[in-house]
Amino acid sequence: MTAPIPRDIPDLPAVPGPPVLLPAPVPATAVVAPVRRPPAAVFRLLTAVAAAGGVTLELLLGSPARVLSYFSVQADILLAVVMLLSATRAWRARRPLPSAVTGATLLYAVIGALVYHLLLDHTTPPFSMTGATAPPERWHAEWAALQVLHVLVPAAAVLDWLLLTPAARLHLRQAAGWLLYPLAYLAFSFIRAAVVPPSEPSRHLYPFLDVTAHGYRSTLANALLLGLAVYALAVLLVTLDHGRPSPTRHRL
């Protein structure tokens, strides 16, 4: 036998407004499953193949020890690996690589392209990764390798960022960490110059880091200016990443 319902229960106060939704600490990617992106996978695979092809062509034309010492070659190797992993994840509908990794590879590829076109393309004697003393002839192997490494591959990386990657993934706190590799490369360049014999033509890989010609004070000043420019470029990429429209609603 159930007890009678009392008649003197007070009315509950009305809710003054809709409940306030607190920001959830769980990212959207934890609850929204990624989808397969065959076009993105194919584009990134082609970019990885182009980067690997440009590096391979340079290795065939010059000394591997010398070619692998250049910043742009190392950046393109890193880009090839990251693009290959990103292509696999886009094809298999897996979570994307961390933005700190993809942003760093984009930054290094753009740095290599800008340094080549602004500081090396018109130097005398001509810049060469293979030790050639004459400017590379257009449409020949050395010219093609330089164009692939410093034009085609960086342009493909920028297009992937603009057209195939969701916006607002990069963060300003990552910019300082991206400078670690350029700083490590600067130290590597100085150590290599100290170890390689002075008679070796490739002792100094870049003219603006030639300690013999400029001295340590001017060389370090050049390195400082380049470091500031790299950090400014990193901040610019982050700013543009948060200001550009997102090309897709899904994370690739």
C-alpha atoms as a PDB file:
ATOM      1  CA  MET A   1       0.000   0.000   0.000  1.00  0.00           C
ATOM      2  CA  THR A   2       1.517   3.339  -1.077  1.00  0.00           C
ATOM      3  CA  ALA A   3       1.432   6.443   1.066  1.00  0.00           C
ATOM      4  CA  PRO A   4      -0.759   9.348  -0.115  1.00  0.00           C
ATOM      5  CA  ILE A   5       0.986  12.203  -1.835  1.00  0.00           C
ATOM      6  CA  PRO A   6       1.067  15.243   0.472  1.00  0.00           C
ATOM      7  CA  ARG A   7      -0.649  18.367  -0.831  1.00  0.00           C
ATOM      8  CA  ASP A   8       1.583  20.923   0.892  1.00  0.00           C
ATOM      9  CA  ILE A   9       4.757  20.451  -1.228  1.00  0.00           C
ATOM     10  CA  PRO A  10       6.076  23.938  -2.098  1.00  0.00           C
ATOM     11  CA  ASP A  11       6.546  24.850  -5.751  1.00  0.00           C
ATOM     12  CA  LEU A  12      10.108  24.771  -7.019  1.00  0.00           C
ATOM     13  CA  PRO A  13      11.510  28.163  -8.103  1.00  0.00           C
ATOM     14  CA  ALA A  14      11.636  28.742 -11.828  1.00  0.00           C
ATOM     15  CA  VAL A  15      14.960  28.580 -13.588  1.00  0.00           C
ATOM     16  CA  PRO A  16      15.999  32.227 -14.258  1.00  0.00           C
ATOM     17  CA  GLY A  17      17.578  31.457 -17.644  1.00  0.00           C
ATOM     18  CA  PRO A  18      19.166  28.788 -19.769  1.00  0.00           C
ATOM     19  CA  PRO A  19      21.980  26.919 -18.060  1.00  0.00           C
ATOM     20  CA  VAL A  20      25.463  28.234 -18.695  1.00  0.00           C
ATOM     21  CA  LEU A  21      27.610  25.785 -20.603  1.00  0.00           C
ATOM     22  CA  LEU A  22      31.125  25.660 -19.247  1.00  0.00           C
ATOM     23  CA  PRO A  23      34.005  25.210 -21.698  1.00  0.00           C
ATOM     24  CA  ALA A  24      34.858  21.546 -21.997  1.00  0.00           C
ATOM     25  CA  PRO A  25      38.506  20.558 -21.456  1.00  0.00           C
ATOM     26  CA  VAL A  26      38.129  17.759 -24.004  1.00  0.00           C
ATOM     27  CA  PRO A  27      39.043  18.816 -27.578  1.00  0.00           C
ATOM     28  CA  ALA A  28      36.632  18.257 -30.400  1.00  0.00           C
ATOM     29  CA  THR A  29      38.950  15.711 -31.992  1.00  0.00           C
ATOM     30  CA  ALA A  30      38.401  13.427 -29.002  1.00  0.00           C
ATOM     31  CA  VAL A  31      34.707  13.050 -29.770  1.00  0.00           C
ATOM     32  CA  VAL A  32      34.526  13.749 -33.508  1.00  0.00           C
ATOM     33  CA  ALA A  33      36.000  10.940 -35.545  1.00  0.00           C
ATOM     34  CA  PRO A  34      38.276  12.031 -38.416  1.00  0.00           C
ATOM     35  CA  VAL A  35      37.297  11.135 -41.953  1.00  0.00           C
ATOM     36  CA  ARG A  36      39.325   9.849 -44.873  1.00  0.00           C
ATOM     37  CA  ARG A  37      40.757  12.544 -47.127  1.00  0.00           C
ATOM     38  CA  PRO A  38      42.021  10.907 -50.320  1.00  0.00           C
ATOM     39  CA  PRO A  39      42.776  14.219 -52.150  1.00  0.00           C
ATOM     40  CA  ALA A  40      44.847  15.468 -49.214  1.00  0.00           C
ATOM     41  CA  ALA A  41      46.618  12.117 -48.958  1.00  0.00           C
ATOM     42  CA  VAL A  42      47.504  12.113 -52.659  1.00  0.00           C
ATOM     43  CA  PHE A  43      48.743  15.726 -52.606  1.00  0.00           C
ATOM     44  CA  ARG A  44      50.903  15.114 -49.556  1.00  0.00           C
ATOM     45  CA  LEU A  45      52.291  11.913 -51.029  1.00  0.00           C
ATOM     46  CA  LEU A  46      53.258  13.771 -54.221  1.00  0.00           C
ATOM     47  CA  THR A  47      54.898  16.497 -52.110  1.00  0.00           C
ATOM     48  CA  ALA A  48      56.899  13.887 -50.212  1.00  0.00           C
ATOM     49  CA  VAL A  49      57.970  12.260 -53.490  1.00  0.00           C
ATOM     50  CA  ALA A  50      59.029  15.635 -54.923  1.00  0.00           C
ATOM     51  CA  ALA A  51      61.076  16.485 -51.821  1.00  0.00           C
ATOM     52  CA  ALA A  52      62.734  13.074 -51.801  1.00  0.00           C
ATOM     53  CA  GLY A  53      63.395  13.332 -55.542  1.00  0.00           C
ATOM     54  CA  GLY A  54      65.061  16.736 -55.218  1.00  0.00           C
ATOM     55  CA  VAL A  55      67.307  15.522 -52.401  1.00  0.00           C
ATOM     56  CA  THR A  56      68.178  12.342 -54.303  1.00  0.00           C
ATOM     57  CA  LEU A  57      69.109  14.314 -57.412  1.00  0.00           C
ATOM     58  CA  GLU A  58      71.429  16.546 -55.380  1.00  0.00           C
ATOM     59  CA  LEU A  59      73.039  13.470 -53.808  1.00  0.00           C
ATOM     60  CA  LEU A  60      73.696  12.036 -57.255  1.00  0.00           C
ATOM     61  CA  LEU A  61      75.280  15.282 -58.442  1.00  0.00           C
ATOM     62  CA  GLY A  62      77.497  16.060 -55.456  1.00  0.00           C
ATOM     63  CA  SER A  63      79.182  14.624 -52.415  1.00  0.00           C
ATOM     64  CA  PRO A  64      76.597  13.158 -50.017  1.00  0.00           C
ATOM     65  CA  ALA A  65      78.471  14.477 -46.981  1.00  0.00           C
ATOM     66  CA  ARG A  66      78.386  17.995 -48.394  1.00  0.00           C
ATOM     67  CA  VAL A  67      74.839  17.903 -49.770  1.00  0.00           C
ATOM     68  CA  LEU A  68      73.358  16.557 -46.532  1.00  0.00           C
ATOM     69  CA  SER A  69      74.993  19.397 -44.597  1.00  0.00           C
ATOM     70  CA  TYR A  70      72.798  22.109 -46.162  1.00  0.00           C
ATOM     71  CA  PHE A  71      69.862  23.454 -44.194  1.00  0.00           C
ATOM     72  CA  SER A  72      67.412  23.332 -47.106  1.00  0.00           C
ATOM     73  CA  VAL A  73      68.289  19.695 -47.848  1.00  0.00           C
ATOM     74  CA  GLN A  74      67.744  18.704 -44.221  1.00  0.00           C
ATOM     75  CA  ALA A  75      64.500  20.688 -44.154  1.00  0.00           C
ATOM     76  CA  ASP A  76      63.253  18.933 -47.287  1.00  0.00           C
ATOM     77  CA  ILE A  77      64.117  15.513 -45.838  1.00  0.00           C
ATOM     78  CA  LEU A  78      62.118  16.387 -42.730  1.00  0.00           C
ATOM     79  CA  LEU A  79      59.275  17.673 -44.895  1.00  0.00           C
ATOM     80  CA  ALA A  80      59.260  14.458 -46.950  1.00  0.00           C
ATOM     81  CA  VAL A  81      58.935  12.342 -43.796  1.00  0.00           C
ATOM     82  CA  VAL A  82      56.204  14.532 -42.292  1.00  0.00           C
ATOM     83  CA  MET A  83      54.241  14.676 -45.559  1.00  0.00           C
ATOM     84  CA  LEU A  84      54.452  10.904 -45.934  1.00  0.00           C
ATOM     85  CA  LEU A  85      53.142  10.377 -42.394  1.00  0.00           C
ATOM     86  CA  SER A  86      50.419  12.984 -42.933  1.00  0.00           C
ATOM     87  CA  ALA A  87      49.382  11.316 -46.193  1.00  0.00           C
ATOM     88  CA  THR A  88      49.088   7.969 -44.428  1.00  0.00           C
ATOM     89  CA  ARG A  89      46.981   9.450 -41.657  1.00  0.00           C
ATOM     90  CA  ALA A  90      44.705  11.293 -44.091  1.00  0.00           C
ATOM     91  CA  TRP A  91      44.194   8.118 -46.134  1.00  0.00           C
ATOM     92  CA  ARG A  92      43.460   5.941 -43.082  1.00  0.00           C
ATOM     93  CA  ALA A  93      41.294   8.531 -41.282  1.00  0.00           C
ATOM     94  CA  ARG A  94      43.664   8.816 -38.333  1.00  0.00           C
ATOM     95  CA  ARG A  95      44.408  11.775 -36.086  1.00  0.00           C
ATOM     96  CA  PRO A  96      46.650  14.423 -37.706  1.00  0.00           C
ATOM     97  CA  LEU A  97      50.215  14.977 -36.650  1.00  0.00           C
ATOM     98  CA  PRO A  98      50.719  17.585 -33.897  1.00  0.00           C
ATOM     99  CA  SER A  99      50.619  21.137 -35.170  1.00  0.00           C
ATOM    100  CA  ALA A 100      54.003  21.797 -33.560  1.00  0.00           C
ATOM    101  CA  VAL A 101      55.537  19.272 -35.975  1.00  0.00           C
ATOM    102  CA  THR A 102      53.703  20.343 -39.122  1.00  0.00           C
ATOM    103  CA  GLY A 103      54.222  24.036 -38.340  1.00  0.00           C
ATOM    104  CA  ALA A 104      57.947  23.516 -37.830  1.00  0.00           C
ATOM    105  CA  THR A 105      58.363  21.700 -41.155  1.00  0.00           C
ATOM    106  CA  LEU A 106      56.418  24.441 -42.932  1.00  0.00           C
ATOM    107  CA  LEU A 107      58.585  27.131 -41.323  1.00  0.00           C
ATOM    108  CA  TYR A 108      61.868  25.397 -42.216  1.00  0.00           C
ATOM    109  CA  ALA A 109      60.806  24.849 -45.830  1.00  0.00           C
ATOM    110  CA  VAL A 110      59.858  28.518 -46.186  1.00  0.00           C
ATOM    111  CA  ILE A 111      63.123  29.607 -44.540  1.00  0.00           C
ATOM    112  CA  GLY A 112      65.153  27.537 -46.993  1.00  0.00           C
ATOM    113  CA  ALA A 113      63.290  29.019 -49.946  1.00  0.00           C
ATOM    114  CA  LEU A 114      63.586  32.633 -48.743  1.00  0.00           C
ATOM    115  CA  VAL A 115      67.285  32.359 -47.900  1.00  0.00           C
ATOM    116  CA  TYR A 116      68.016  30.877 -51.309  1.00  0.00           C
ATOM    117  CA  HIS A 117      66.063  33.450 -53.314  1.00  0.00           C
ATOM    118  CA  LEU A 118      67.039  36.506 -51.247  1.00  0.00           C
ATOM    119  CA  LEU A 119      70.645  35.749 -50.280  1.00  0.00           C
ATOM    120  CA  LEU A 120      72.068  32.996 -52.488  1.00  0.00           C
ATOM    121  CA  ASP A 121      70.504  33.006 -55.938  1.00  0.00           C
ATOM    122  CA  HIS A 122      72.595  35.849 -57.330  1.00  0.00           C
ATOM    123  CA  THR A 123      75.852  35.507 -55.403  1.00  0.00           C
ATOM    124  CA  THR A 124      79.306  35.660 -56.990  1.00  0.00           C
ATOM    125  CA  PRO A 125      80.678  33.025 -57.213  1.00  0.00           C
ATOM    126  CA  PRO A 126      77.327  31.300 -57.779  1.00  0.00           C
ATOM    127  CA  PHE A 127      75.848  29.271 -54.960  1.00  0.00           C
ATOM    128  CA  SER A 128      76.067  25.533 -55.532  1.00  0.00           C
ATOM    129  CA  MET A 129      75.572  22.469 -53.366  1.00  0.00           C
ATOM    130  CA  THR A 130      77.809  20.366 -55.589  1.00  0.00           C
ATOM    131  CA  GLY A 131      80.889  22.587 -55.792  1.00  0.00           C
ATOM    132  CA  ALA A 132      80.252  23.814 -59.335  1.00  0.00           C
ATOM    133  CA  THR A 133      81.955  27.110 -60.144  1.00  0.00           C
ATOM    134  CA  ALA A 134      79.663  28.126 -63.009  1.00  0.00           C
ATOM    135  CA  PRO A 135      75.972  29.051 -62.702  1.00  0.00           C
ATOM    136  CA  PRO A 136      73.726  26.052 -63.375  1.00  0.00           C
ATOM    137  CA  GLU A 137      72.227  26.015 -66.855  1.00  0.00           C
ATOM    138  CA  ARG A 138      68.464  26.206 -67.023  1.00  0.00           C
ATOM    139  CA  TRP A 139      66.638  22.900 -67.334  1.00  0.00           C
ATOM    140  CA  HIS A 140      69.775  20.934 -66.507  1.00  0.00           C
ATOM    141  CA  ALA A 141      70.076  18.587 -63.529  1.00  0.00           C
ATOM    142  CA  GLU A 142      71.605  21.020 -60.997  1.00  0.00           C
ATOM    143  CA  TRP A 143      69.174  23.803 -61.936  1.00  0.00           C
ATOM    144  CA  ALA A 144      66.234  21.393 -61.706  1.00  0.00           C
ATOM    145  CA  ALA A 145      67.327  20.137 -58.281  1.00  0.00           C
ATOM    146  CA  LEU A 146      67.613  23.683 -56.932  1.00  0.00           C
ATOM    147  CA  GLN A 147      64.169  24.576 -58.275  1.00  0.00           C
ATOM    148  CA  VAL A 148      62.582  21.492 -56.744  1.00  0.00           C
ATOM    149  CA  LEU A 149      64.161  22.085 -53.343  1.00  0.00           C
ATOM    150  CA  HIS A 150      63.640  25.852 -53.169  1.00  0.00           C
ATOM    151  CA  VAL A 151      60.519  26.503 -55.275  1.00  0.00           C
ATOM    152  CA  LEU A 152      58.344  23.452 -55.898  1.00  0.00           C
ATOM    153  CA  VAL A 153      58.492  21.768 -52.501  1.00  0.00           C
ATOM    154  CA  PRO A 154      58.123  24.954 -50.357  1.00  0.00           C
ATOM    155  CA  ALA A 155      55.213  26.097 -52.564  1.00  0.00           C
ATOM    156  CA  ALA A 156      53.536  22.703 -52.115  1.00  0.00           C
ATOM    157  CA  ALA A 157      54.000  22.943 -48.334  1.00  0.00           C
ATOM    158  CA  VAL A 158      52.379  26.386 -48.278  1.00  0.00           C
ATOM    159  CA  LEU A 159      49.473  25.179 -50.440  1.00  0.00           C
ATOM    160  CA  ASP A 160      48.931  22.211 -48.142  1.00  0.00           C
ATOM    161  CA  TRP A 161      48.788  24.578 -45.176  1.00  0.00           C
ATOM    162  CA  LEU A 162      46.398  27.016 -46.860  1.00  0.00           C
ATOM    163  CA  LEU A 163      44.086  24.617 -48.702  1.00  0.00           C
ATOM    164  CA  LEU A 164      44.188  21.294 -46.853  1.00  0.00           C
ATOM    165  CA  THR A 165      44.858  22.120 -43.201  1.00  0.00           C
ATOM    166  CA  PRO A 166      42.277  23.521 -40.758  1.00  0.00           C
ATOM    167  CA  ALA A 167      42.972  27.041 -39.544  1.00  0.00           C
ATOM    168  CA  ALA A 168      44.012  28.101 -36.040  1.00  0.00           C
ATOM    169  CA  ARG A 169      46.117  25.011 -35.327  1.00  0.00           C
ATOM    170  CA  LEU A 170      49.396  26.860 -34.795  1.00  0.00           C
ATOM    171  CA  HIS A 171      50.094  28.643 -31.506  1.00  0.00           C
ATOM    172  CA  LEU A 172      52.451  31.423 -30.531  1.00  0.00           C
ATOM    173  CA  ARG A 173      53.956  29.356 -27.712  1.00  0.00           C
ATOM    174  CA  GLN A 174      55.314  26.961 -30.363  1.00  0.00           C
ATOM    175  CA  ALA A 175      57.342  29.646 -32.153  1.00  0.00           C
ATOM    176  CA  ALA A 176      60.185  29.668 -29.614  1.00  0.00           C
ATOM    177  CA  GLY A 177      60.533  25.891 -29.819  1.00  0.00           C
ATOM    178  CA  TRP A 178      60.805  26.060 -33.599  1.00  0.00           C
ATOM    179  CA  LEU A 179      64.023  28.080 -33.203  1.00  0.00           C
ATOM    180  CA  LEU A 180      65.863  25.167 -31.576  1.00  0.00           C
ATOM    181  CA  TYR A 181      66.673  23.473 -34.866  1.00  0.00           C
ATOM    182  CA  PRO A 182      68.059  26.622 -36.580  1.00  0.00           C
ATOM    183  CA  LEU A 183      70.193  27.244 -33.477  1.00  0.00           C
ATOM    184  CA  ALA A 184      71.432  23.656 -33.546  1.00  0.00           C
ATOM    185  CA  TYR A 185      72.211  24.026 -37.244  1.00  0.00           C
ATOM    186  CA  LEU A 186      74.209  27.196 -36.557  1.00  0.00           C
ATOM    187  CA  ALA A 187      76.291  25.319 -33.988  1.00  0.00           C
ATOM    188  CA  PHE A 188      76.716  22.460 -36.459  1.00  0.00           C
ATOM    189  CA  SER A 189      77.894  24.908 -39.119  1.00  0.00           C
ATOM    190  CA  PHE A 190      80.573  26.384 -36.843  1.00  0.00           C
ATOM    191  CA  ILE A 191      81.748  22.950 -35.656  1.00  0.00           C
ATOM    192  CA  ARG A 192      81.904  21.673 -39.226  1.00  0.00           C
ATOM    193  CA  ALA A 193      83.931  24.708 -40.335  1.00  0.00           C
ATOM    194  CA  ALA A 194      86.393  24.076 -37.496  1.00  0.00           C
ATOM    195  CA  VAL A 195      86.811  20.404 -38.399  1.00  0.00           C
ATOM    196  CA  VAL A 196      86.970  20.646 -42.207  1.00  0.00           C
ATOM    197  CA  PRO A 197      90.440  21.544 -43.544  1.00  0.00           C
ATOM    198  CA  PRO A 198      90.851  25.188 -44.660  1.00  0.00           C
ATOM    199  CA  SER A 199      91.725  24.048 -48.163  1.00  0.00           C
ATOM    200  CA  GLU A 200      88.309  22.440 -48.627  1.00  0.00           C
ATOM    201  CA  PRO A 201      86.044  24.683 -50.800  1.00  0.00           C
ATOM    202  CA  SER A 202      82.925  23.577 -48.942  1.00  0.00           C
ATOM    203  CA  ARG A 203      84.308  24.450 -45.520  1.00  0.00           C
ATOM    204  CA  HIS A 204      81.723  27.224 -45.160  1.00  0.00           C
ATOM    205  CA  LEU A 205      78.369  26.151 -46.592  1.00  0.00           C
ATOM    206  CA  TYR A 206      76.855  29.634 -46.762  1.00  0.00           C
ATOM    207  CA  PRO A 207      78.669  32.887 -47.561  1.00  0.00           C
ATOM    208  CA  PHE A 208      76.983  34.796 -44.721  1.00  0.00           C
ATOM    209  CA  LEU A 209      78.351  32.211 -42.233  1.00  0.00           C
ATOM    210  CA  ASP A 210      81.911  32.375 -43.565  1.00  0.00           C
ATOM    211  CA  VAL A 211      83.995  33.077 -40.464  1.00  0.00           C
ATOM    212  CA  THR A 212      87.203  33.273 -42.486  1.00  0.00           C
ATOM    213  CA  ALA A 213      85.872  36.095 -44.660  1.00  0.00           C
ATOM    214  CA  HIS A 214      83.830  38.036 -42.091  1.00  0.00           C
ATOM    215  CA  GLY A 215      85.208  37.108 -38.684  1.00  0.00           C
ATOM    216  CA  TYR A 216      83.230  35.748 -35.752  1.00  0.00           C
ATOM    217  CA  ARG A 217      81.730  39.103 -34.780  1.00  0.00           C
ATOM    218  CA  SER A 218      80.163  39.808 -38.179  1.00  0.00           C
ATOM    219  CA  THR A 219      79.176  36.167 -38.638  1.00  0.00           C
ATOM    220  CA  LEU A 220      77.418  36.067 -35.274  1.00  0.00           C
ATOM    221  CA  ALA A 221      75.723  39.361 -36.113  1.00  0.00           C
ATOM    222  CA  ASN A 222      74.457  37.828 -39.363  1.00  0.00           C
ATOM    223  CA  ALA A 223      73.264  34.786 -37.452  1.00  0.00           C
ATOM    224  CA  LEU A 224      71.457  36.995 -34.926  1.00  0.00           C
ATOM    225  CA  LEU A 225      69.683  38.904 -37.694  1.00  0.00           C
ATOM    226  CA  LEU A 226      68.665  35.638 -39.332  1.00  0.00           C
ATOM    227  CA  GLY A 227      67.422  34.308 -35.993  1.00  0.00           C
ATOM    228  CA  LEU A 228      65.269  37.380 -35.443  1.00  0.00           C
ATOM    229  CA  ALA A 229      63.936  37.080 -38.982  1.00  0.00           C
ATOM    230  CA  VAL A 230      63.109  33.404 -38.425  1.00  0.00           C
ATOM    231  CA  TYR A 231      61.224  34.196 -35.219  1.00  0.00           C
ATOM    232  CA  ALA A 232      59.359  37.039 -36.927  1.00  0.00           C
ATOM    233  CA  LEU A 233      58.418  34.662 -39.742  1.00  0.00           C
ATOM    234  CA  ALA A 234      57.187  32.095 -37.214  1.00  0.00           C
ATOM    235  CA  VAL A 235      55.009  34.713 -35.504  1.00  0.00           C
ATOM    236  CA  LEU A 236      53.691  35.800 -38.910  1.00  0.00           C
ATOM    237  CA  LEU A 237      52.728  32.223 -39.787  1.00  0.00           C
ATOM    238  CA  VAL A 238      50.879  31.827 -36.496  1.00  0.00           C
ATOM    239  CA  THR A 239      49.070  35.134 -37.009  1.00  0.00           C
ATOM    240  CA  LEU A 240      48.059  34.247 -40.547  1.00  0.00           C
ATOM    241  CA  ASP A 241      46.962  30.794 -39.417  1.00  0.00           C
ATOM    242  CA  HIS A 242      44.488  32.336 -36.978  1.00  0.00           C
ATOM    243  CA  GLY A 243      43.283  34.953 -39.441  1.00  0.00           C
ATOM    244  CA  ARG A 244      42.753  32.831 -42.541  1.00  0.00           C
ATOM    245  CA  PRO A 245      39.491  30.996 -43.273  1.00  0.00           C
ATOM    246  CA  SER A 246      39.460  27.295 -42.524  1.00  0.00           C
ATOM    247  CA  PRO A 247      39.338  25.283 -45.776  1.00  0.00           C
ATOM    248  CA  THR A 248      37.554  22.313 -44.195  1.00  0.00           C
ATOM    249  CA  ARG A 249      35.402  21.495 -41.212  1.00  0.00           C
ATOM    250  CA  HIS A 250      37.256  18.280 -40.582  1.00  0.00           C
ATOM    251  CA  ARG A 251      40.699  17.812 -39.237  1.00  0.00           C
ATOM    252  CA  LEU A 252      43.029  16.146 -41.711  1.00  0.00           C
END
